[in-house]
Amino acid sequence: MIRSELIQLIADENPHLYQRDVERIVNTVFEEVTNAMARGDRVELRGFGAFSVKKRDARVGRNPRTGESVSVEEKHVPFFKTGKLLRDRLNGKA
C-alpha cells in the first residue's frame, strides 16, 4: 500500500472528512514520526510496532566487483520492531 492508497482508504471509510483533510492528517503523522526519529527519539505505536534509530559504526567494507577495501563511514539507520499484536495477526493467531 502506498500513501495515496492509505489516504483514499481512510477518506472512503470516513465520508464526513474531506480528502484534503485526511491527506493533511496522514502527512502530519508521517512528518512527526520522521522528526522524532531525526532527533533520535523512539516512536511506539501500541499493537503495531516501534520505530527507532540505530547507529552503525564505521568499518572497512569490500567492493564486491573488484574486491578492493573501502571505508564505510559511521551512519544512523531506521529500525522497525513489530508489536506483539501485529506479529500475532500476521501469524494467524488473532
Protein backbone atom coordinates (compact mmCIF):
# COMPACT_ATOMS: atom_id res chain seq x y z
CA MET A 1 0.00 0.00 0.00
CA ILE A 2 1.29 3.45 -0.86
CA ARG A 3 0.50 6.76 0.83
CA SER A 4 -2.18 7.80 -1.70
CA GLU A 5 -3.96 4.45 -1.28
CA LEU A 6 -3.91 4.87 2.50
CA ILE A 7 -5.36 8.38 2.19
CA GLN A 8 -8.09 7.14 -0.16
CA LEU A 9 -8.97 4.22 2.13
CA ILE A 10 -9.29 6.47 5.19
CA ALA A 11 -11.32 9.03 3.22
CA ASP A 12 -13.66 6.28 1.96
CA GLU A 13 -14.18 4.92 5.48
CA ASN A 14 -14.83 8.42 6.86
CA PRO A 15 -17.18 10.19 4.44
CA HIS A 16 -17.66 13.06 6.92
CA LEU A 17 -14.00 14.10 6.32
CA TYR A 18 -12.75 15.87 3.24
CA GLN A 19 -9.99 14.05 1.37
CA ARG A 20 -7.68 17.08 1.66
CA ASP A 21 -8.08 16.95 5.45
CA VAL A 22 -7.31 13.22 5.55
CA GLU A 23 -4.23 13.88 3.40
CA ARG A 24 -3.10 16.62 5.79
CA ILE A 25 -3.58 14.31 8.80
CA VAL A 26 -1.64 11.41 7.23
CA ASN A 27 1.19 13.71 6.13
CA THR A 28 1.36 15.27 9.61
CA VAL A 29 1.62 11.85 11.28
CA PHE A 30 4.44 10.79 8.95
CA GLU A 31 6.23 14.11 9.43
CA GLU A 32 6.07 13.82 13.21
CA VAL A 33 7.41 10.25 13.14
CA THR A 34 10.24 11.39 10.85
CA ASN A 35 11.04 14.43 13.01
CA ALA A 36 11.08 12.36 16.20
CA MET A 37 13.45 9.83 14.64
CA ALA A 38 15.68 12.63 13.32
CA ARG A 39 16.00 13.82 16.94
CA GLY A 40 16.98 10.28 17.94
CA ASP A 41 13.68 9.57 19.72
CA ARG A 42 11.82 6.27 19.63
CA VAL A 43 8.26 6.22 18.24
CA GLU A 44 5.97 3.49 19.54
CA LEU A 45 2.55 2.71 18.11
CA ARG A 46 0.98 0.23 20.53
CA GLY A 47 -0.03 -3.02 18.86
CA PHE A 48 1.73 -2.05 15.63
CA GLY A 49 5.40 -1.59 16.44
CA ALA A 50 8.20 0.76 17.33
CA PHE A 51 10.44 2.88 15.14
CA SER A 52 13.92 3.72 16.37
CA VAL A 53 17.32 4.78 15.08
CA LYS A 54 20.35 2.53 15.29
CA LYS A 55 23.93 3.66 14.92
CA ARG A 56 26.21 1.72 12.61
CA ASP A 57 29.88 2.20 13.37
CA ALA A 58 32.47 3.00 10.73
CA ARG A 59 34.00 -0.10 9.19
CA VAL A 60 36.06 -1.40 6.32
CA GLY A 61 33.96 -2.99 3.60
CA ARG A 62 34.72 -4.57 0.25
CA ASN A 63 33.74 -3.60 -3.25
CA PRO A 64 32.11 -6.85 -4.46
CA ARG A 65 33.11 -6.24 -8.06
CA THR A 66 36.82 -5.55 -7.53
CA GLY A 67 37.47 -6.93 -4.04
CA GLU A 68 39.07 -3.60 -3.13
CA SER A 69 38.81 -2.43 0.51
CA VAL A 70 36.53 0.55 1.00
CA SER A 71 35.99 2.55 4.18
CA VAL A 72 32.32 2.91 5.15
CA GLU A 73 31.52 5.90 7.35
CA GLU A 74 29.50 5.79 10.55
CA LYS A 75 25.79 6.21 9.89
CA HIS A 76 22.38 6.11 11.51
CA VAL A 77 19.71 3.82 10.07
CA PRO A 78 15.99 3.49 10.80
CA PHE A 79 14.87 0.32 12.55
CA PHE A 80 11.36 -1.10 12.99
CA LYS A 81 10.37 -3.72 15.52
CA THR A 82 6.88 -5.19 15.16
CA GLY A 83 4.47 -5.18 18.07
CA LYS A 84 3.07 -8.39 19.51
CA LEU A 85 -0.44 -7.75 18.15
CA LEU A 86 0.82 -7.25 14.59
CA ARG A 87 3.12 -10.28 14.82
CA ASP A 88 0.27 -12.47 16.10
CA ARG A 89 -2.11 -11.26 13.40
CA LEU A 90 0.43 -11.98 10.65
CA ASN A 91 0.85 -15.50 12.01
CA GLY A 92 -2.91 -16.16 12.17
CA LYS A 93 -3.20 -16.13 15.95
CA ALA A 94 -5.51 -13.13 16.30
